[in-house]
């Protein structure tokens, strides 16, 4: 089985649960690649062989195809260097700082509950204007980020423009609990 972990990205269920636990533990957001189909891996390999893309293993030999590999941006990879091992993630190619593979038997957190959303967090949206409310902090977000938070289980509340203005000004509207 596979689980969507962000828009356009999936992992095998065990790897997805581990990724969600890591995000809850502080791993920065951002995925450049996750699970792939055989056909997607074959296309990446063809591009590599034509000199049009980065190195890619032949189809049938990449752990991306089983949903047990992630490619991450630098800040997330730096976090993984420090904490990923305890969650069962290993960098299997020293030349690819971005590439991480999940080995469930090494995941010391595999029996921990999966935190599917940030605690006490809600996304407030009025059209293209978006704010994240977490505790007593209110921060602006790009509307493109909303889908990533929704995929992680953070509730999104659509409000009227006047209610949104109260959030923008740092006030908690009556009847809304962040």
N, C-alpha and C. Protein backbone atom coordinates (compact mmCIF):
# COMPACT_ATOMS: atom_id res chain seq x y z
N UNK A 1 0.85 -1.18 0.00
CA UNK A 1 0.00 0.00 0.00
C UNK A 1 0.89 1.24 0.00
N UNK A 2 0.34 2.32 -0.49
CA UNK A 2 1.08 3.58 -0.51
C UNK A 2 0.24 4.70 0.08
N UNK A 3 0.95 5.71 0.58
CA UNK A 3 0.32 6.84 1.24
C UNK A 3 0.85 8.13 0.65
N UNK A 4 -0.03 9.06 0.32
CA UNK A 4 0.39 10.38 -0.16
C UNK A 4 0.95 11.15 1.03
N UNK A 5 2.16 11.70 0.87
CA UNK A 5 2.80 12.46 1.95
C UNK A 5 2.86 13.95 1.65
N UNK A 6 2.63 14.32 0.42
CA UNK A 6 2.59 15.71 -0.02
C UNK A 6 2.02 15.68 -1.43
N UNK A 7 1.50 16.79 -1.91
CA UNK A 7 0.94 16.79 -3.26
C UNK A 7 1.96 16.26 -4.28
N UNK A 8 1.56 15.21 -5.00
CA UNK A 8 2.41 14.62 -6.03
C UNK A 8 3.48 13.67 -5.51
N UNK A 9 3.49 13.38 -4.20
CA UNK A 9 4.52 12.52 -3.62
C UNK A 9 3.89 11.45 -2.74
N UNK A 10 4.35 10.21 -2.91
CA UNK A 10 3.85 9.10 -2.11
C UNK A 10 5.01 8.24 -1.62
N UNK A 11 4.74 7.48 -0.58
CA UNK A 11 5.68 6.49 -0.05
C UNK A 11 4.90 5.25 0.35
N UNK A 12 5.61 4.14 0.55
CA UNK A 12 5.00 2.95 1.13
C UNK A 12 4.50 3.33 2.52
N UNK A 13 3.48 2.64 3.00
CA UNK A 13 2.84 3.01 4.26
C UNK A 13 3.83 3.15 5.42
N UNK A 14 4.75 2.18 5.59
CA UNK A 14 5.69 2.25 6.71
C UNK A 14 6.63 3.44 6.58
N UNK A 15 7.11 3.71 5.38
CA UNK A 15 8.00 4.85 5.15
C UNK A 15 7.24 6.17 5.32
N UNK A 16 5.98 6.20 4.88
CA UNK A 16 5.16 7.41 5.04
C UNK A 16 4.92 7.71 6.51
N UNK A 17 4.63 6.68 7.31
CA UNK A 17 4.42 6.87 8.74
C UNK A 17 5.70 7.41 9.39
N UNK A 18 6.84 6.87 8.98
CA UNK A 18 8.12 7.34 9.51
C UNK A 18 8.35 8.80 9.11
N UNK A 19 8.06 9.13 7.87
CA UNK A 19 8.24 10.52 7.41
C UNK A 19 7.35 11.47 8.22
N UNK A 20 6.12 11.08 8.46
CA UNK A 20 5.22 11.93 9.25
C UNK A 20 5.71 12.10 10.69
N UNK A 21 6.25 11.03 11.27
CA UNK A 21 6.81 11.16 12.62
C UNK A 21 8.01 12.11 12.62
N UNK A 22 8.84 12.02 11.58
CA UNK A 22 10.00 12.92 11.48
C UNK A 22 9.56 14.37 11.32
N UNK A 23 8.55 14.60 10.50
CA UNK A 23 8.05 15.97 10.34
C UNK A 23 7.55 16.51 11.67
N UNK A 24 6.84 15.66 12.43
CA UNK A 24 6.34 16.08 13.74
C UNK A 24 7.50 16.34 14.70
N UNK A 25 8.63 15.66 14.49
CA UNK A 25 9.80 15.83 15.36
C UNK A 25 10.69 17.00 14.93
N UNK A 26 10.34 17.66 13.82
CA UNK A 26 11.09 18.85 13.42
C UNK A 26 11.80 18.79 12.09
N UNK A 27 11.68 17.72 11.34
CA UNK A 27 12.31 17.66 10.02
C UNK A 27 11.68 18.72 9.12
N UNK A 28 12.50 19.58 8.50
CA UNK A 28 11.94 20.61 7.61
C UNK A 28 11.15 20.00 6.45
N UNK A 29 10.16 20.72 6.01
CA UNK A 29 9.32 20.27 4.89
C UNK A 29 10.11 20.39 3.59
N UNK A 30 9.63 19.67 2.61
CA UNK A 30 10.22 19.75 1.28
C UNK A 30 10.62 18.39 0.78
N UNK A 31 10.09 18.01 -0.35
CA UNK A 31 10.42 16.74 -0.98
C UNK A 31 10.67 17.04 -2.45
N UNK A 32 11.79 16.57 -2.97
CA UNK A 32 12.02 16.76 -4.39
C UNK A 32 11.60 15.52 -5.19
N UNK A 33 11.61 14.35 -4.52
CA UNK A 33 11.15 13.13 -5.17
C UNK A 33 10.85 12.09 -4.10
N UNK A 34 9.90 11.22 -4.37
CA UNK A 34 9.56 10.15 -3.42
C UNK A 34 9.27 8.90 -4.25
N UNK A 35 8.13 8.24 -4.01
CA UNK A 35 7.80 7.03 -4.74
C UNK A 35 7.64 7.29 -6.23
N UNK A 36 8.05 6.30 -7.02
CA UNK A 36 7.93 6.39 -8.48
C UNK A 36 7.41 5.07 -9.03
N UNK A 37 6.73 5.16 -10.15
CA UNK A 37 6.32 3.94 -10.84
C UNK A 37 7.51 3.41 -11.66
N UNK A 38 7.37 2.20 -12.12
CA UNK A 38 8.39 1.61 -13.00
C UNK A 38 8.57 2.48 -14.24
N UNK A 39 7.47 2.94 -14.81
CA UNK A 39 7.54 3.78 -16.02
C UNK A 39 8.25 5.10 -15.74
N UNK A 40 7.98 5.71 -14.58
CA UNK A 40 8.66 6.97 -14.23
C UNK A 40 10.16 6.74 -14.06
N UNK A 41 10.53 5.62 -13.44
CA UNK A 41 11.95 5.31 -13.26
C UNK A 41 12.60 5.05 -14.61
N UNK A 42 11.90 4.37 -15.51
CA UNK A 42 12.43 4.09 -16.84
C UNK A 42 12.67 5.40 -17.60
N UNK A 43 11.76 6.35 -17.48
CA UNK A 43 11.93 7.63 -18.17
C UNK A 43 13.12 8.41 -17.60
N UNK A 44 13.28 8.40 -16.28
CA UNK A 44 14.44 9.07 -15.68
C UNK A 44 15.75 8.42 -16.15
N UNK A 45 15.75 7.09 -16.26
CA UNK A 45 16.94 6.38 -16.74
C UNK A 45 17.24 6.75 -18.19
N UNK A 46 16.19 6.80 -19.04
CA UNK A 46 16.38 7.19 -20.44
C UNK A 46 16.98 8.59 -20.54
N UNK A 47 16.46 9.52 -19.74
CA UNK A 47 17.00 10.89 -19.75
C UNK A 47 18.46 10.91 -19.33
N UNK A 48 18.80 10.14 -18.31
CA UNK A 48 20.18 10.07 -17.85
C UNK A 48 21.07 9.54 -18.97
N UNK A 49 20.66 8.46 -19.63
CA UNK A 49 21.47 7.86 -20.68
C UNK A 49 21.63 8.78 -21.89
N UNK A 50 20.66 9.66 -22.12
CA UNK A 50 20.74 10.64 -23.21
C UNK A 50 21.50 11.90 -22.79
N UNK A 51 21.94 11.95 -21.54
CA UNK A 51 22.66 13.12 -21.04
C UNK A 51 21.75 14.28 -20.69
N UNK A 52 20.47 14.00 -20.47
CA UNK A 52 19.48 15.06 -20.20
C UNK A 52 19.04 15.11 -18.75
N UNK A 53 19.60 14.28 -17.90
CA UNK A 53 19.15 14.27 -16.51
C UNK A 53 20.20 13.72 -15.58
N UNK A 54 19.90 13.75 -14.30
CA UNK A 54 20.80 13.24 -13.28
C UNK A 54 20.83 11.72 -13.34
N UNK A 55 21.82 11.15 -12.65
CA UNK A 55 21.94 9.70 -12.58
C UNK A 55 20.65 9.09 -12.08
N UNK A 56 20.23 7.99 -12.68
CA UNK A 56 19.06 7.24 -12.25
C UNK A 56 19.34 5.76 -12.49
N UNK A 57 19.02 4.94 -11.50
CA UNK A 57 19.19 3.50 -11.64
C UNK A 57 18.25 2.95 -12.71
N UNK A 58 18.56 1.79 -13.26
CA UNK A 58 17.64 1.17 -14.21
C UNK A 58 16.31 0.84 -13.53
N UNK A 59 15.22 0.86 -14.28
CA UNK A 59 13.93 0.50 -13.68
C UNK A 59 13.98 -0.91 -13.10
N UNK A 60 13.31 -1.07 -11.97
CA UNK A 60 13.30 -2.35 -11.29
C UNK A 60 14.37 -2.46 -10.22
N UNK A 61 15.24 -1.44 -10.10
CA UNK A 61 16.32 -1.54 -9.11
C UNK A 61 16.38 -0.35 -8.16
N UNK A 62 15.43 0.55 -8.25
CA UNK A 62 15.41 1.73 -7.38
C UNK A 62 14.40 1.54 -6.26
N UNK A 63 14.80 1.90 -5.04
CA UNK A 63 13.88 1.82 -3.90
C UNK A 63 12.80 2.91 -3.99
N UNK A 64 12.97 3.88 -4.89
CA UNK A 64 11.89 4.83 -5.14
C UNK A 64 10.65 4.08 -5.65
N UNK A 65 10.89 3.01 -6.41
CA UNK A 65 9.78 2.27 -7.01
C UNK A 65 8.95 1.51 -5.98
N UNK A 66 9.55 1.19 -4.84
CA UNK A 66 8.79 0.51 -3.79
C UNK A 66 8.25 1.50 -2.77
N UNK A 67 8.57 2.79 -2.95
CA UNK A 67 8.12 3.80 -2.00
C UNK A 67 8.95 3.85 -0.75
N UNK A 68 10.21 3.41 -0.83
CA UNK A 68 11.09 3.42 0.33
C UNK A 68 12.29 4.34 0.13
N UNK A 69 12.15 5.36 -0.71
CA UNK A 69 13.23 6.33 -0.91
C UNK A 69 12.65 7.72 -1.07
N UNK A 70 13.41 8.68 -0.56
CA UNK A 70 13.06 10.11 -0.64
C UNK A 70 14.26 10.90 -1.12
N UNK A 71 14.02 11.93 -1.89
CA UNK A 71 15.05 12.91 -2.20
C UNK A 71 14.59 14.21 -1.55
N UNK A 72 15.49 14.83 -0.78
CA UNK A 72 15.12 15.98 0.03
C UNK A 72 16.02 17.19 -0.24
N UNK A 73 15.52 18.39 0.03
CA UNK A 73 16.36 19.59 -0.10
C UNK A 73 17.39 19.63 1.04
N UNK A 74 18.34 20.55 0.94
CA UNK A 74 19.48 20.61 1.88
C UNK A 74 19.09 20.70 3.34
N UNK A 75 18.14 21.58 3.68
CA UNK A 75 17.82 21.75 5.10
C UNK A 75 17.22 20.46 5.69
N UNK A 76 16.37 19.79 4.93
CA UNK A 76 15.80 18.52 5.41
C UNK A 76 16.89 17.44 5.47
N UNK A 77 17.79 17.42 4.50
CA UNK A 77 18.88 16.44 4.52
C UNK A 77 19.82 16.67 5.70
N UNK A 78 20.04 17.93 6.05
CA UNK A 78 20.88 18.23 7.22
C UNK A 78 20.21 17.69 8.48
N UNK A 79 18.90 17.85 8.59
CA UNK A 79 18.17 17.30 9.74
C UNK A 79 18.28 15.79 9.75
N UNK A 80 18.16 15.18 8.58
CA UNK A 80 18.24 13.72 8.46
C UNK A 80 19.61 13.20 8.88
N UNK A 81 20.67 13.93 8.58
CA UNK A 81 22.02 13.52 9.00
C UNK A 81 22.07 13.33 10.51
N UNK A 82 21.39 14.20 11.24
CA UNK A 82 21.41 14.16 12.70
C UNK A 82 20.38 13.18 13.28
N UNK A 83 19.21 13.06 12.66
CA UNK A 83 18.10 12.34 13.29
C UNK A 83 17.52 11.19 12.46
N UNK A 84 17.79 11.14 11.18
CA UNK A 84 17.14 10.17 10.30
C UNK A 84 17.41 8.72 10.65
N UNK A 85 18.62 8.42 11.13
CA UNK A 85 18.98 7.04 11.44
C UNK A 85 18.04 6.40 12.45
N UNK A 86 17.66 7.14 13.47
CA UNK A 86 16.76 6.61 14.50
C UNK A 86 15.38 6.30 13.92
N UNK A 87 15.06 6.93 12.79
CA UNK A 87 13.77 6.70 12.13
C UNK A 87 13.88 5.69 10.99
N UNK A 88 15.07 5.07 10.86
CA UNK A 88 15.25 4.03 9.86
C UNK A 88 15.69 4.53 8.50
N UNK A 89 16.08 5.79 8.37
CA UNK A 89 16.48 6.35 7.09
C UNK A 89 18.00 6.37 6.98
N UNK A 90 18.52 5.92 5.85
CA UNK A 90 19.96 5.87 5.59
C UNK A 90 20.26 6.54 4.25
N UNK A 91 21.40 7.22 4.22
CA UNK A 91 21.90 7.74 2.95
C UNK A 91 22.74 6.62 2.36
N UNK A 92 22.29 6.03 1.29
CA UNK A 92 22.94 4.83 0.74
C UNK A 92 23.97 5.13 -0.33
N UNK A 93 24.00 6.35 -0.82
CA UNK A 93 25.01 6.74 -1.81
C UNK A 93 25.69 8.01 -1.29
N UNK A 94 26.96 7.92 -0.89
CA UNK A 94 27.63 9.09 -0.31
C UNK A 94 27.75 10.27 -1.27
N UNK A 95 27.58 10.03 -2.56
CA UNK A 95 27.65 11.12 -3.54
C UNK A 95 26.32 11.85 -3.70
N UNK A 96 25.26 11.31 -3.10
CA UNK A 96 23.92 11.91 -3.22
C UNK A 96 23.42 12.33 -1.84
N UNK A 97 23.78 13.54 -1.42
CA UNK A 97 23.39 14.04 -0.10
C UNK A 97 21.87 14.13 0.05
N UNK A 98 21.16 14.17 -1.05
CA UNK A 98 19.71 14.37 -1.05
C UNK A 98 18.92 13.07 -0.95
N UNK A 99 19.57 11.93 -1.19
CA UNK A 99 18.86 10.65 -1.35
C UNK A 99 18.88 9.86 -0.05
N UNK A 100 17.68 9.47 0.42
CA UNK A 100 17.51 8.74 1.68
C UNK A 100 16.62 7.52 1.44
N UNK A 101 16.99 6.38 2.03
CA UNK A 101 16.21 5.16 1.91
C UNK A 101 15.76 4.69 3.28
N UNK A 102 14.52 4.18 3.33
CA UNK A 102 13.94 3.74 4.60
C UNK A 102 14.09 2.24 4.79
N UNK A 103 14.55 1.85 5.99
CA UNK A 103 14.68 0.45 6.38
C UNK A 103 13.90 0.30 7.68
N UNK A 104 12.69 -0.24 7.57
CA UNK A 104 11.75 -0.29 8.69
C UNK A 104 12.32 -1.00 9.91
N UNK A 105 13.14 -2.02 9.73
CA UNK A 105 13.67 -2.75 10.88
C UNK A 105 14.63 -1.91 11.71
N UNK A 106 15.13 -0.82 11.15
CA UNK A 106 16.04 0.09 11.87
C UNK A 106 15.31 1.30 12.44
N UNK A 107 14.00 1.37 12.26
CA UNK A 107 13.21 2.51 12.72
C UNK A 107 12.84 2.31 14.19
N UNK A 108 13.60 2.96 15.08
CA UNK A 108 13.34 2.80 16.52
C UNK A 108 12.06 3.50 16.95
N UNK A 109 11.47 4.28 16.08
CA UNK A 109 10.21 4.98 16.38
C UNK A 109 9.00 4.31 15.73
N UNK A 110 9.19 3.15 15.10
CA UNK A 110 8.12 2.55 14.30
C UNK A 110 6.86 2.22 15.10
N UNK A 111 6.99 2.09 16.42
CA UNK A 111 5.82 1.79 17.24
C UNK A 111 5.22 3.05 17.86
N UNK A 112 5.85 4.20 17.61
CA UNK A 112 5.31 5.47 18.11
C UNK A 112 4.08 5.84 17.29
N UNK A 113 3.15 6.57 17.88
CA UNK A 113 1.99 7.02 17.10
C UNK A 113 2.41 7.99 16.01
N UNK A 114 1.68 7.97 14.93
CA UNK A 114 1.94 8.89 13.82
C UNK A 114 1.18 10.17 14.10
N UNK A 115 1.92 11.28 14.20
CA UNK A 115 1.30 12.59 14.40
C UNK A 115 0.97 13.13 13.02
N UNK A 116 -0.28 13.11 12.64
CA UNK A 116 -0.67 13.50 11.30
C UNK A 116 -0.84 15.00 11.12
N UNK A 117 -0.74 15.77 12.19
CA UNK A 117 -0.84 17.21 12.04
C UNK A 117 -0.03 17.90 13.12
N UNK A 118 0.34 19.11 12.85
CA UNK A 118 1.06 19.88 13.84
C UNK A 118 0.12 20.19 14.99
N UNK A 119 0.58 20.09 16.24
CA UNK A 119 -0.31 20.35 17.36
C UNK A 119 -0.78 21.80 17.39
N UNK A 120 -2.06 21.97 17.66
CA UNK A 120 -2.64 23.30 17.83
C UNK A 120 -2.38 24.21 16.62
N UNK A 121 -2.42 23.68 15.44
CA UNK A 121 -2.17 24.48 14.25
C UNK A 121 -3.39 24.45 13.35
N UNK A 122 -3.66 25.59 12.74
CA UNK A 122 -4.75 25.68 11.79
C UNK A 122 -4.33 26.67 10.71
N UNK A 123 -4.77 26.42 9.51
CA UNK A 123 -4.53 27.33 8.39
C UNK A 123 -5.81 28.11 8.15
N UNK A 124 -5.70 29.43 8.11
CA UNK A 124 -6.84 30.30 7.86
C UNK A 124 -6.69 30.86 6.45
N UNK A 125 -7.75 30.70 5.63
CA UNK A 125 -7.67 31.11 4.23
C UNK A 125 -8.89 31.93 3.85
N UNK A 126 -8.61 33.04 3.15
CA UNK A 126 -9.67 33.85 2.53
C UNK A 126 -9.21 34.12 1.11
N UNK A 127 -9.67 33.29 0.19
CA UNK A 127 -9.22 33.42 -1.20
C UNK A 127 -7.74 33.12 -1.31
N UNK A 128 -6.96 34.07 -1.81
CA UNK A 128 -5.52 33.86 -1.99
C UNK A 128 -4.71 34.32 -0.78
N UNK A 129 -5.37 34.81 0.25
CA UNK A 129 -4.67 35.25 1.46
C UNK A 129 -4.72 34.13 2.49
N UNK A 130 -3.53 33.79 3.04
CA UNK A 130 -3.43 32.64 3.93
C UNK A 130 -2.55 32.98 5.14
N UNK A 131 -2.96 32.51 6.31
CA UNK A 131 -2.17 32.63 7.54
C UNK A 131 -2.15 31.27 8.24
N UNK A 132 -1.03 30.95 8.86
CA UNK A 132 -0.93 29.77 9.72
C UNK A 132 -0.97 30.26 11.15
N UNK A 133 -1.81 29.63 11.96
CA UNK A 133 -1.93 29.99 13.37
C UNK A 133 -1.47 28.78 14.18
N UNK A 134 -0.44 28.98 14.98
CA UNK A 134 0.10 27.90 15.82
C UNK A 134 0.38 28.50 17.19
N UNK A 135 -0.44 28.13 18.17
CA UNK A 135 -0.30 28.73 19.50
C UNK A 135 -0.56 30.22 19.42
N UNK A 136 0.40 31.01 19.88
CA UNK A 136 0.23 32.46 19.84
C UNK A 136 0.94 33.10 18.65
N UNK A 137 1.41 32.28 17.71
CA UNK A 137 2.10 32.80 16.53
C UNK A 137 1.19 32.76 15.32
N UNK A 138 1.25 33.83 14.54
CA UNK A 138 0.50 33.91 13.30
C UNK A 138 1.48 34.31 12.21
N UNK A 139 1.60 33.49 11.18
CA UNK A 139 2.53 33.77 10.11
C UNK A 139 1.84 33.68 8.76
N UNK A 140 2.29 34.50 7.83
CA UNK A 140 1.76 34.46 6.47
C UNK A 140 2.30 33.27 5.72
N UNK A 141 1.49 32.74 4.82
CA UNK A 141 1.88 31.62 3.98
C UNK A 141 1.56 31.94 2.54
N UNK A 142 2.29 31.32 1.65
CA UNK A 142 1.95 31.39 0.24
C UNK A 142 0.81 30.40 0.01
N UNK A 143 -0.14 30.77 -0.82
CA UNK A 143 -1.30 29.91 -1.06
C UNK A 143 -0.87 28.53 -1.60
N UNK A 144 0.28 28.46 -2.27
CA UNK A 144 0.76 27.19 -2.79
C UNK A 144 1.17 26.22 -1.68
N UNK A 145 1.45 26.74 -0.48
CA UNK A 145 1.85 25.89 0.64
C UNK A 145 0.68 25.18 1.30
N UNK A 146 -0.52 25.65 1.07
CA UNK A 146 -1.70 25.12 1.76
C UNK A 146 -1.86 23.62 1.50
N UNK A 147 -1.70 23.17 0.29
CA UNK A 147 -1.89 21.75 -0.03
C UNK A 147 -0.93 20.87 0.75
N UNK A 148 0.28 21.32 0.94
CA UNK A 148 1.27 20.54 1.69
C UNK A 148 0.81 20.39 3.15
N UNK A 149 0.31 21.47 3.75
CA UNK A 149 -0.18 21.38 5.12
C UNK A 149 -1.42 20.49 5.20
N UNK A 150 -2.32 20.64 4.23
CA UNK A 150 -3.52 19.79 4.22
C UNK A 150 -3.15 18.31 4.14
N UNK A 151 -2.15 17.99 3.29
CA UNK A 151 -1.72 16.60 3.15
C UNK A 151 -1.15 16.06 4.46
N UNK A 152 -0.60 16.94 5.28
CA UNK A 152 -0.05 16.54 6.58
C UNK A 152 -1.13 16.48 7.66
N UNK A 153 -2.37 16.82 7.30
CA UNK A 153 -3.47 16.71 8.25
C UNK A 153 -3.79 17.98 9.01
N UNK A 154 -3.17 19.09 8.64
CA UNK A 154 -3.46 20.36 9.32
C UNK A 154 -4.80 20.88 8.80
N UNK A 155 -5.72 21.23 9.70
CA UNK A 155 -7.02 21.72 9.24
C UNK A 155 -6.90 23.08 8.56
N UNK A 156 -7.69 23.26 7.52
CA UNK A 156 -7.74 24.52 6.78
C UNK A 156 -9.15 25.07 6.93
N UNK A 157 -9.25 26.31 7.39
CA UNK A 157 -10.54 26.95 7.61
C UNK A 157 -10.68 28.11 6.62
N UNK A 158 -11.71 28.06 5.82
CA UNK A 158 -12.01 29.17 4.92
C UNK A 158 -12.87 30.17 5.66
N UNK A 159 -12.47 31.44 5.61
CA UNK A 159 -13.18 32.49 6.36
C UNK A 159 -13.51 33.65 5.42
N UNK A 160 -14.32 34.56 5.93
CA UNK A 160 -14.66 35.76 5.18
C UNK A 160 -13.47 36.72 5.19
N UNK A 161 -13.42 37.64 4.24
CA UNK A 161 -12.32 38.62 4.26
C UNK A 161 -12.23 39.43 5.55
N UNK A 162 -13.37 39.79 6.17
CA UNK A 162 -13.29 40.59 7.41
C UNK A 162 -12.71 39.76 8.55
N UNK A 163 -13.07 38.48 8.65
CA UNK A 163 -12.50 37.62 9.67
C UNK A 163 -11.01 37.44 9.42
N UNK A 164 -10.65 37.29 8.15
CA UNK A 164 -9.23 37.14 7.80
C UNK A 164 -8.44 38.37 8.23
N UNK A 165 -9.00 39.56 8.05
CA UNK A 165 -8.32 40.80 8.44
C UNK A 165 -8.03 40.81 9.94
N UNK A 166 -8.93 40.25 10.73
CA UNK A 166 -8.68 40.18 12.17
C UNK A 166 -7.46 39.30 12.44
N UNK A 167 -7.33 38.17 11.72
CA UNK A 167 -6.15 37.33 11.87
C UNK A 167 -4.90 38.06 11.40
N UNK A 168 -5.01 38.74 10.28
CA UNK A 168 -3.85 39.44 9.73
C UNK A 168 -3.33 40.47 10.71
N UNK A 169 -4.22 41.05 11.46
CA UNK A 169 -3.85 42.08 12.43
C UNK A 169 -3.48 41.48 13.80
N UNK A 170 -3.39 40.15 13.86
CA UNK A 170 -2.94 39.49 15.08
C UNK A 170 -4.01 39.27 16.12
N UNK A 171 -5.27 39.34 15.72
CA UNK A 171 -6.37 39.15 16.66
C UNK A 171 -7.03 37.80 16.40
N UNK A 172 -7.54 37.19 17.43
CA UNK A 172 -8.27 35.93 17.28
C UNK A 172 -9.75 36.28 17.24
N UNK A 173 -10.40 36.08 16.08
CA UNK A 173 -11.83 36.38 15.99
C UNK A 173 -12.65 35.55 16.97
N UNK A 174 -13.71 36.12 17.44
CA UNK A 174 -14.60 35.44 18.36
C UNK A 174 -15.13 34.16 17.71
N UNK A 175 -15.12 33.08 18.47
CA UNK A 175 -15.67 31.82 17.98
C UNK A 175 -14.66 30.97 17.22
N UNK A 176 -13.42 31.44 17.04
CA UNK A 176 -12.39 30.66 16.36
C UNK A 176 -11.29 30.35 17.35
N UNK A 177 -11.00 29.08 17.55
CA UNK A 177 -9.95 28.66 18.48
C UNK A 177 -8.76 28.12 17.70
N UNK A 178 -7.63 28.81 17.73
CA UNK A 178 -6.44 28.30 17.02
C UNK A 178 -5.93 27.02 17.64
